[in-house]
Amino acid sequence: MNQEDKTWAGISHFGAILFGFLAPLIAYLVMKDKSSFVKAHAAQSLFFTLGLLVAYIILGITVVGVILMPILWIAQIVLAIMAGMKALNGEMYSYPLTGKFAENSGLMRS
């Protein structure tokens, strides 16, 4: 893997903080045939952000959920930063709860 791969993988995580699932989706679509490293990181980030989107929608319709949303938002930022730093160091990262779904989805396979 080269520096470009690490950068794209980092973008898939760091970009998700600002742009939600769009950043990892773009990274996945652009790099899936060029780099298995980026493909794996983008798939992990994509599953995580889509899971968060569902959680935000469900939590948004409950009173207790509105109280819990800031905690989820902070967790999202912390986990995305951890994943992005791993990506920039050339290491793999698997998000809690959604990591196994991404690995079993077929998106990460060559």
C-alpha atoms as a PDB file:
ATOM      1  CA  MET A   1       0.000   0.000   0.000  1.00  0.00           C
ATOM      2  CA  ASN A   2       1.213   3.491  -0.774  1.00  0.00           C
ATOM      3  CA  GLN A   3       0.583   6.922   0.710  1.00  0.00           C
ATOM      4  CA  GLU A   4      -2.344   7.547  -1.647  1.00  0.00           C
ATOM      5  CA  ASP A   5      -4.094   4.430  -0.321  1.00  0.00           C
ATOM      6  CA  LYS A   6      -3.577   5.565   3.268  1.00  0.00           C
ATOM      7  CA  THR A   7      -4.905   9.026   2.419  1.00  0.00           C
ATOM      8  CA  TRP A   8      -8.054   7.687   0.730  1.00  0.00           C
ATOM      9  CA  ALA A   9      -8.661   5.322   3.634  1.00  0.00           C
ATOM     10  CA  GLY A  10      -8.270   8.231   6.058  1.00  0.00           C
ATOM     11  CA  ILE A  11     -10.665  10.345   4.004  1.00  0.00           C
ATOM     12  CA  SER A  12     -13.294   7.618   4.243  1.00  0.00           C
ATOM     13  CA  HIS A  13     -13.236   7.945   8.037  1.00  0.00           C
ATOM     14  CA  PHE A  14     -12.469  11.629   8.619  1.00  0.00           C
ATOM     15  CA  GLY A  15     -14.822  12.689   5.832  1.00  0.00           C
ATOM     16  CA  ALA A  16     -17.643  10.741   7.464  1.00  0.00           C
ATOM     17  CA  ILE A  17     -17.521  13.155  10.414  1.00  0.00           C
ATOM     18  CA  LEU A  18     -18.524  16.035   8.145  1.00  0.00           C
ATOM     19  CA  PHE A  19     -20.348  14.379   5.257  1.00  0.00           C
ATOM     20  CA  GLY A  20     -21.830  11.223   6.758  1.00  0.00           C
ATOM     21  CA  PHE A  21     -22.025   8.179   4.507  1.00  0.00           C
ATOM     22  CA  LEU A  22     -21.145  10.180   1.362  1.00  0.00           C
ATOM     23  CA  ALA A  23     -17.394  10.328   2.066  1.00  0.00           C
ATOM     24  CA  PRO A  24     -16.898   6.566   2.498  1.00  0.00           C
ATOM     25  CA  LEU A  25     -19.265   5.852  -0.392  1.00  0.00           C
ATOM     26  CA  ILE A  26     -17.229   8.051  -2.733  1.00  0.00           C
ATOM     27  CA  ALA A  27     -13.947   6.556  -1.479  1.00  0.00           C
ATOM     28  CA  TYR A  28     -15.355   3.066  -1.999  1.00  0.00           C
ATOM     29  CA  LEU A  29     -16.640   3.738  -5.518  1.00  0.00           C
ATOM     30  CA  VAL A  30     -13.457   5.487  -6.663  1.00  0.00           C
ATOM     31  CA  MET A  31     -10.907   3.112  -5.129  1.00  0.00           C
ATOM     32  CA  LYS A  32     -12.597  -0.311  -4.813  1.00  0.00           C
ATOM     33  CA  ASP A  33     -10.850  -1.738  -7.879  1.00  0.00           C
ATOM     34  CA  LYS A  34      -7.523  -0.037  -7.173  1.00  0.00           C
ATOM     35  CA  SER A  35      -6.840  -0.805  -3.520  1.00  0.00           C
ATOM     36  CA  SER A  36      -8.125  -3.541  -1.252  1.00  0.00           C
ATOM     37  CA  PHE A  37      -6.888  -1.499   1.725  1.00  0.00           C
ATOM     38  CA  VAL A  38      -9.061   1.487   0.821  1.00  0.00           C
ATOM     39  CA  LYS A  39     -11.931  -0.813  -0.115  1.00  0.00           C
ATOM     40  CA  ALA A  40     -11.860  -2.426   3.345  1.00  0.00           C
ATOM     41  CA  HIS A  41     -11.642   0.892   5.211  1.00  0.00           C
ATOM     42  CA  ALA A  42     -14.344   2.529   3.112  1.00  0.00           C
ATOM     43  CA  ALA A  43     -16.674  -0.458   3.607  1.00  0.00           C
ATOM     44  CA  GLN A  44     -16.123  -0.329   7.379  1.00  0.00           C
ATOM     45  CA  SER A  45     -16.832   3.399   7.455  1.00  0.00           C
ATOM     46  CA  LEU A  46     -19.833   3.073   5.162  1.00  0.00           C
ATOM     47  CA  PHE A  47     -21.486   0.418   7.323  1.00  0.00           C
ATOM     48  CA  PHE A  48     -20.748   2.425  10.471  1.00  0.00           C
ATOM     49  CA  THR A  49     -22.198   5.665   9.108  1.00  0.00           C
ATOM     50  CA  LEU A  50     -25.282   3.959   7.674  1.00  0.00           C
ATOM     51  CA  GLY A  51     -25.831   2.255  11.041  1.00  0.00           C
ATOM     52  CA  LEU A  52     -25.545   5.635  12.724  1.00  0.00           C
ATOM     53  CA  LEU A  53     -28.040   7.141  10.302  1.00  0.00           C
ATOM     54  CA  VAL A  54     -30.568   4.479  11.249  1.00  0.00           C
ATOM     55  CA  ALA A  55     -29.824   5.010  14.943  1.00  0.00           C
ATOM     56  CA  TYR A  56     -30.271   8.793  14.627  1.00  0.00           C
ATOM     57  CA  ILE A  57     -33.625   8.316  12.885  1.00  0.00           C
ATOM     58  CA  ILE A  58     -34.861   5.891  15.529  1.00  0.00           C
ATOM     59  CA  LEU A  59     -33.553   7.984  18.412  1.00  0.00           C
ATOM     60  CA  GLY A  60     -34.945  11.162  16.883  1.00  0.00           C
ATOM     61  CA  ILE A  61     -38.523  10.013  17.326  1.00  0.00           C
ATOM     62  CA  THR A  62     -38.213   9.316  21.053  1.00  0.00           C
ATOM     63  CA  VAL A  63     -37.752  11.701  23.964  1.00  0.00           C
ATOM     64  CA  VAL A  64     -35.039   9.553  25.525  1.00  0.00           C
ATOM     65  CA  GLY A  65     -33.366   9.275  22.142  1.00  0.00           C
ATOM     66  CA  VAL A  66     -33.027  13.027  21.814  1.00  0.00           C
ATOM     67  CA  ILE A  67     -31.134  13.012  25.098  1.00  0.00           C
ATOM     68  CA  LEU A  68     -28.877  10.166  23.919  1.00  0.00           C
ATOM     69  CA  MET A  69     -28.090  11.679  20.503  1.00  0.00           C
ATOM     70  CA  PRO A  70     -25.222  13.899  21.741  1.00  0.00           C
ATOM     71  CA  ILE A  71     -23.551  10.850  23.292  1.00  0.00           C
ATOM     72  CA  LEU A  72     -23.862   8.975  20.011  1.00  0.00           C
ATOM     73  CA  TRP A  73     -22.498  11.992  18.135  1.00  0.00           C
ATOM     74  CA  ILE A  74     -19.431  12.161  20.400  1.00  0.00           C
ATOM     75  CA  ALA A  75     -18.869   8.405  20.025  1.00  0.00           C
ATOM     76  CA  GLN A  76     -19.106   8.792  16.256  1.00  0.00           C
ATOM     77  CA  ILE A  77     -16.408  11.458  16.216  1.00  0.00           C
ATOM     78  CA  VAL A  78     -14.076   9.572  18.568  1.00  0.00           C
ATOM     79  CA  LEU A  79     -14.393   6.272  16.691  1.00  0.00           C
ATOM     80  CA  ALA A  80     -13.974   7.933  13.277  1.00  0.00           C
ATOM     81  CA  ILE A  81     -10.800   9.685  14.471  1.00  0.00           C
ATOM     82  CA  MET A  82      -9.436   6.409  15.852  1.00  0.00           C
ATOM     83  CA  ALA A  83     -10.223   4.632  12.575  1.00  0.00           C
ATOM     84  CA  GLY A  84      -8.744   7.452  10.495  1.00  0.00           C
ATOM     85  CA  MET A  85      -5.520   7.411  12.484  1.00  0.00           C
ATOM     86  CA  LYS A  86      -5.226   3.643  12.013  1.00  0.00           C
ATOM     87  CA  ALA A  87      -5.796   4.105   8.280  1.00  0.00           C
ATOM     88  CA  LEU A  88      -3.102   6.774   8.023  1.00  0.00           C
ATOM     89  CA  ASN A  89      -0.705   4.401   9.821  1.00  0.00           C
ATOM     90  CA  GLY A  90      -1.489   1.618   7.348  1.00  0.00           C
ATOM     91  CA  GLU A  91      -3.382  -0.492   9.892  1.00  0.00           C
ATOM     92  CA  MET A  92      -6.840  -2.053   9.680  1.00  0.00           C
ATOM     93  CA  TYR A  93      -9.701  -0.973  11.937  1.00  0.00           C
ATOM     94  CA  SER A  94     -13.026  -2.607  12.647  1.00  0.00           C
ATOM     95  CA  TYR A  95     -15.800  -0.479  14.137  1.00  0.00           C
ATOM     96  CA  PRO A  96     -17.628  -1.861  17.169  1.00  0.00           C
ATOM     97  CA  LEU A  97     -21.016  -3.414  16.368  1.00  0.00           C
ATOM     98  CA  THR A  98     -20.891  -2.817  12.601  1.00  0.00           C
ATOM     99  CA  GLY A  99     -17.409  -4.119  11.800  1.00  0.00           C
ATOM    100  CA  LYS A 100     -18.459  -7.754  11.455  1.00  0.00           C
ATOM    101  CA  PHE A 101     -21.391  -6.790   9.209  1.00  0.00           C
ATOM    102  CA  ALA A 102     -19.007  -5.016   6.861  1.00  0.00           C
ATOM    103  CA  GLU A 103     -16.616  -7.964   6.824  1.00  0.00           C
ATOM    104  CA  ASN A 104     -19.431 -10.404   6.049  1.00  0.00           C
ATOM    105  CA  SER A 105     -21.210  -8.194   3.528  1.00  0.00           C
ATOM    106  CA  GLY A 106     -19.096  -8.998   0.516  1.00  0.00           C
ATOM    107  CA  LEU A 107     -18.093  -5.340   0.020  1.00  0.00           C
ATOM    108  CA  MET A 108     -14.613  -6.038   1.377  1.00  0.00           C
ATOM    109  CA  ARG A 109     -13.924  -9.103  -0.735  1.00  0.00           C
ATOM    110  CA  SER A 110     -11.876  -8.874  -3.903  1.00  0.00           C
END
